[in-house]
Amino acid sequence: MAGFELPKLPYEYNALEPYIDERTMNIHHTKHHQAYVDNLNKAVGGTAFEKKDITELIRGLASVPDNIRTAVRNNGGGHLNHSMFWKMMAPGAGGEPSRSLGDSINSKFGGFEKFKEEFKKAALGRFGSGWAWLVLNGKELEVVSTANQDTPLTDGKPPLLGIDVWEHAYYLKYQNRRAEYVDSFWNVVNWEDVAKRFGQALKQ
């Protein structure tokens, strides 16, 4: 059996209420994320890739054999993206980033509100399923969007903050109101985790 496992949530399923409902969190974590883990394990079972760190596996996607690369890209990407996503949120969080991250956002985007506008535009502009991200491109912050379970990491851009805009992430509470979901997301952003990723990415 391959070694990838579903990580435990760092909070209870109802901890992000009222912004993200308990039922959505439970299904998203135990069904959707679990399926990515299970399918990834099936794809890499019996190969050297089953012992790799998930970040290294996705970063080195080009070295994965053709016959399993699509499965690894989709399911490994889903596992990595969600493993980060749970930590990028926290109960009683939100507000604005401080210190160097806050300064960098203000400098790059012309203020926190301008950054939120650009991030929301990326989230709403993603046709179908995917993600919007704040990434580090070299030493510069950038907002990007990826399709399906693709990650900016494969383009050498470490993700700092991401929002899942697959319908399963919000449909039970918000139905087709993706914009409302994105607006609510700011109430649960764990800026401490984002700032930690920012510091680590700058050192790479």
Protein backbone atom coordinates (compact mmCIF):
# COMPACT_ATOMS: atom_id res chain seq x y z
CA MET A 1 0.00 0.00 0.00
CA ALA A 2 1.35 3.42 -0.92
CA GLY A 3 2.03 5.85 1.85
CA PHE A 4 -0.11 8.89 1.07
CA GLU A 5 -2.71 9.54 3.76
CA LEU A 6 -5.60 11.92 4.33
CA PRO A 7 -4.37 14.58 6.77
CA LYS A 8 -6.49 15.34 9.81
CA LEU A 9 -8.18 18.72 9.75
CA PRO A 10 -6.55 21.19 12.17
CA TYR A 11 -10.04 22.12 13.48
CA GLU A 12 -13.54 20.64 13.73
CA TYR A 13 -15.80 20.39 10.68
CA ASN A 14 -18.08 23.11 12.06
CA ALA A 15 -15.24 25.46 13.07
CA LEU A 16 -15.50 27.69 9.99
CA GLU A 17 -19.24 28.33 10.40
CA PRO A 18 -21.08 30.40 9.31
CA TYR A 19 -18.77 31.11 6.37
CA ILE A 20 -18.16 27.49 5.34
CA ASP A 21 -20.76 25.06 6.61
CA GLU A 22 -20.09 21.86 8.52
CA ARG A 23 -21.67 19.52 5.96
CA THR A 24 -19.59 20.94 3.11
CA MET A 25 -16.38 20.65 5.14
CA ASN A 26 -17.16 17.07 6.10
CA ILE A 27 -17.97 15.94 2.54
CA HIS A 28 -15.10 17.95 1.06
CA HIS A 29 -12.57 16.40 3.43
CA THR A 30 -13.79 12.83 3.92
CA LYS A 31 -15.11 12.20 0.40
CA HIS A 32 -13.39 14.46 -2.14
CA HIS A 33 -9.94 14.71 -0.56
CA GLN A 34 -10.02 11.05 0.45
CA ALA A 35 -10.78 10.08 -3.15
CA TYR A 36 -7.72 12.01 -4.39
CA VAL A 37 -5.56 10.17 -1.84
CA ASP A 38 -7.01 6.77 -2.73
CA ASN A 39 -6.60 7.30 -6.47
CA LEU A 40 -3.08 8.67 -6.06
CA ASN A 41 -2.11 5.58 -4.06
CA LYS A 42 -3.52 3.34 -6.79
CA ALA A 43 -1.56 5.19 -9.44
CA VAL A 44 1.85 5.08 -7.71
CA GLY A 45 1.52 1.81 -5.80
CA GLY A 46 4.54 -0.43 -6.34
CA THR A 47 6.65 2.37 -7.83
CA ALA A 48 9.39 4.53 -6.36
CA PHE A 49 6.99 7.46 -6.43
CA GLU A 50 4.90 6.09 -3.56
CA LYS A 51 7.66 7.05 -1.10
CA LYS A 52 8.09 10.61 -2.36
CA ASP A 53 6.98 13.70 -0.51
CA ILE A 54 3.80 14.99 -2.21
CA THR A 55 5.30 18.43 -2.85
CA GLU A 56 8.38 16.91 -4.49
CA LEU A 57 6.22 14.51 -6.49
CA ILE A 58 4.13 17.31 -7.98
CA ARG A 59 7.09 19.63 -8.48
CA GLY A 60 8.82 16.85 -10.43
CA LEU A 61 5.79 15.84 -12.47
CA ALA A 62 7.83 15.79 -15.68
CA SER A 63 9.77 12.78 -14.35
CA VAL A 64 6.62 10.71 -13.75
CA PRO A 65 6.06 8.06 -16.48
CA ASP A 66 3.48 8.88 -19.13
CA ASN A 67 1.19 6.01 -18.19
CA ILE A 68 0.53 7.39 -14.68
CA ARG A 69 1.35 11.10 -15.10
CA THR A 70 -2.23 12.24 -15.68
CA ALA A 71 -3.47 10.33 -12.63
CA VAL A 72 -0.65 11.77 -10.52
CA ARG A 73 -1.24 15.27 -11.86
CA ASN A 74 -4.97 15.17 -11.10
CA ASN A 75 -5.03 13.20 -7.86
CA GLY A 76 -1.63 14.21 -6.51
CA GLY A 77 -2.50 17.80 -7.30
CA GLY A 78 -5.82 17.39 -5.52
CA HIS A 79 -4.10 15.91 -2.47
CA LEU A 80 -1.46 18.65 -2.33
CA ASN A 81 -3.87 21.52 -2.98
CA HIS A 82 -6.33 20.39 -0.33
CA SER A 83 -3.63 19.61 2.23
CA MET A 84 -2.54 23.26 1.93
CA PHE A 85 -6.09 24.62 1.69
CA TRP A 86 -7.16 23.27 5.10
CA LYS A 87 -4.22 25.02 6.76
CA MET A 88 -4.81 28.27 4.86
CA MET A 89 -8.06 28.61 6.80
CA ALA A 90 -8.70 28.80 10.52
CA PRO A 91 -11.56 29.61 12.90
CA GLY A 92 -11.56 33.15 14.24
CA ALA A 93 -9.12 34.20 11.53
CA GLY A 94 -9.49 36.72 8.70
CA GLY A 95 -8.52 40.36 8.97
CA GLU A 96 -5.48 41.61 7.12
CA PRO A 97 -1.89 40.34 6.83
CA SER A 98 0.74 42.20 8.80
CA ARG A 99 4.47 42.81 8.76
CA SER A 100 6.43 41.90 5.62
CA LEU A 101 3.59 40.03 3.89
CA GLY A 102 1.19 42.92 4.39
CA ASP A 103 3.81 45.40 3.20
CA SER A 104 4.53 43.28 0.11
CA ILE A 105 0.84 43.01 -0.76
CA ASN A 106 0.37 46.75 -0.37
CA SER A 107 3.43 47.46 -2.49
CA LYS A 108 2.54 45.01 -5.27
CA PHE A 109 -1.21 45.57 -5.55
CA GLY A 110 -1.64 49.11 -4.26
CA GLY A 111 -3.35 48.09 -1.03
CA PHE A 112 -5.12 45.15 0.56
CA GLU A 113 -8.51 45.97 -0.98
CA LYS A 114 -6.96 46.11 -4.46
CA PHE A 115 -5.37 42.71 -3.83
CA LYS A 116 -8.74 41.27 -2.77
CA GLU A 117 -10.31 42.61 -5.97
CA GLU A 118 -7.65 40.97 -8.14
CA PHE A 119 -7.89 37.68 -6.24
CA LYS A 120 -11.69 37.67 -6.56
CA LYS A 121 -11.41 38.44 -10.28
CA ALA A 122 -9.15 35.39 -10.71
CA ALA A 123 -11.55 33.21 -8.70
CA LEU A 124 -14.63 34.31 -10.63
CA GLY A 125 -12.83 34.25 -13.97
CA ARG A 126 -11.88 30.59 -13.66
CA PHE A 127 -14.31 28.85 -16.01
CA GLY A 128 -15.48 25.55 -14.58
CA SER A 129 -13.43 23.99 -11.81
CA GLY A 130 -10.12 25.17 -10.44
CA TRP A 131 -8.35 27.46 -8.00
CA ALA A 132 -7.25 31.06 -7.56
CA TRP A 133 -3.90 31.64 -5.91
CA LEU A 134 -1.57 34.20 -4.43
CA VAL A 135 1.90 32.95 -5.38
CA LEU A 136 5.50 34.03 -5.30
CA ASN A 137 6.95 34.41 -8.78
CA GLY A 138 10.66 34.84 -8.19
CA LYS A 139 10.59 37.52 -5.48
CA GLU A 140 7.35 39.10 -6.72
CA LEU A 141 3.82 38.39 -5.51
CA GLU A 142 1.36 37.43 -8.24
CA VAL A 143 -2.30 36.35 -8.47
CA VAL A 144 -2.92 33.40 -10.80
CA SER A 145 -5.61 30.83 -11.51
CA THR A 146 -5.24 27.13 -12.31
CA ALA A 147 -7.67 24.65 -13.85
CA ASN A 148 -8.90 21.50 -12.15
CA GLN A 149 -6.30 20.33 -9.59
CA ASP A 150 -3.28 21.89 -11.26
CA THR A 151 -0.95 23.81 -8.99
CA PRO A 152 1.31 26.84 -9.59
CA LEU A 153 4.11 24.76 -8.08
CA THR A 154 4.62 22.97 -11.40
CA ASP A 155 5.44 26.38 -12.91
CA GLY A 156 7.95 27.07 -10.14
CA LYS A 157 5.62 29.46 -8.31
CA PRO A 158 5.13 28.49 -4.65
CA PRO A 159 1.48 28.94 -3.58
CA LEU A 160 0.93 31.16 -0.55
CA LEU A 161 -2.88 31.38 -0.45
CA GLY A 162 -5.46 29.51 -2.49
CA ILE A 163 -9.22 29.25 -2.77
CA ASP A 164 -10.93 26.16 -4.13
CA VAL A 165 -13.61 27.19 -6.64
CA TRP A 166 -14.78 23.70 -7.55
CA GLU A 167 -18.53 23.65 -6.93
CA HIS A 168 -18.18 20.96 -4.27
CA ALA A 169 -16.33 23.53 -2.14
CA TYR A 170 -19.32 25.86 -1.81
CA TYR A 171 -22.46 24.66 -3.57
CA LEU A 172 -24.40 23.33 -0.56
CA LYS A 173 -24.36 26.76 1.09
CA TYR A 174 -23.91 29.21 -1.77
CA GLN A 175 -25.32 27.32 -4.80
CA ASN A 176 -24.25 29.31 -7.88
CA ARG A 177 -23.19 32.37 -5.85
CA ARG A 178 -19.44 31.92 -6.20
CA ALA A 179 -18.84 35.63 -5.59
CA GLU A 180 -20.53 35.42 -2.18
CA TYR A 181 -18.39 32.40 -1.28
CA VAL A 182 -15.21 34.28 -2.25
CA ASP A 183 -16.27 37.29 -0.16
CA SER A 184 -16.94 35.03 2.85
CA PHE A 185 -13.57 33.33 2.45
CA TRP A 186 -11.74 36.40 3.77
CA ASN A 187 -13.27 35.76 7.19
CA VAL A 188 -11.43 32.45 7.55
CA VAL A 189 -8.05 33.16 5.89
CA ASN A 190 -5.23 32.06 8.18
CA TRP A 191 -2.76 34.88 7.52
CA GLU A 192 -0.29 33.35 9.97
CA ASP A 193 -0.02 30.28 7.73
CA VAL A 194 0.18 32.42 4.57
CA ALA A 195 2.96 34.55 6.10
CA LYS A 196 4.85 31.39 7.05
CA ARG A 197 4.65 30.13 3.45
CA PHE A 198 5.78 33.54 2.23
CA GLY A 199 8.87 33.46 4.45
CA GLN A 200 9.75 29.91 3.40
CA ALA A 201 9.27 30.69 -0.30
CA LEU A 202 11.54 33.72 -0.12
CA LYS A 203 14.35 31.49 1.17
CA GLN A 204 14.08 28.96 -1.69
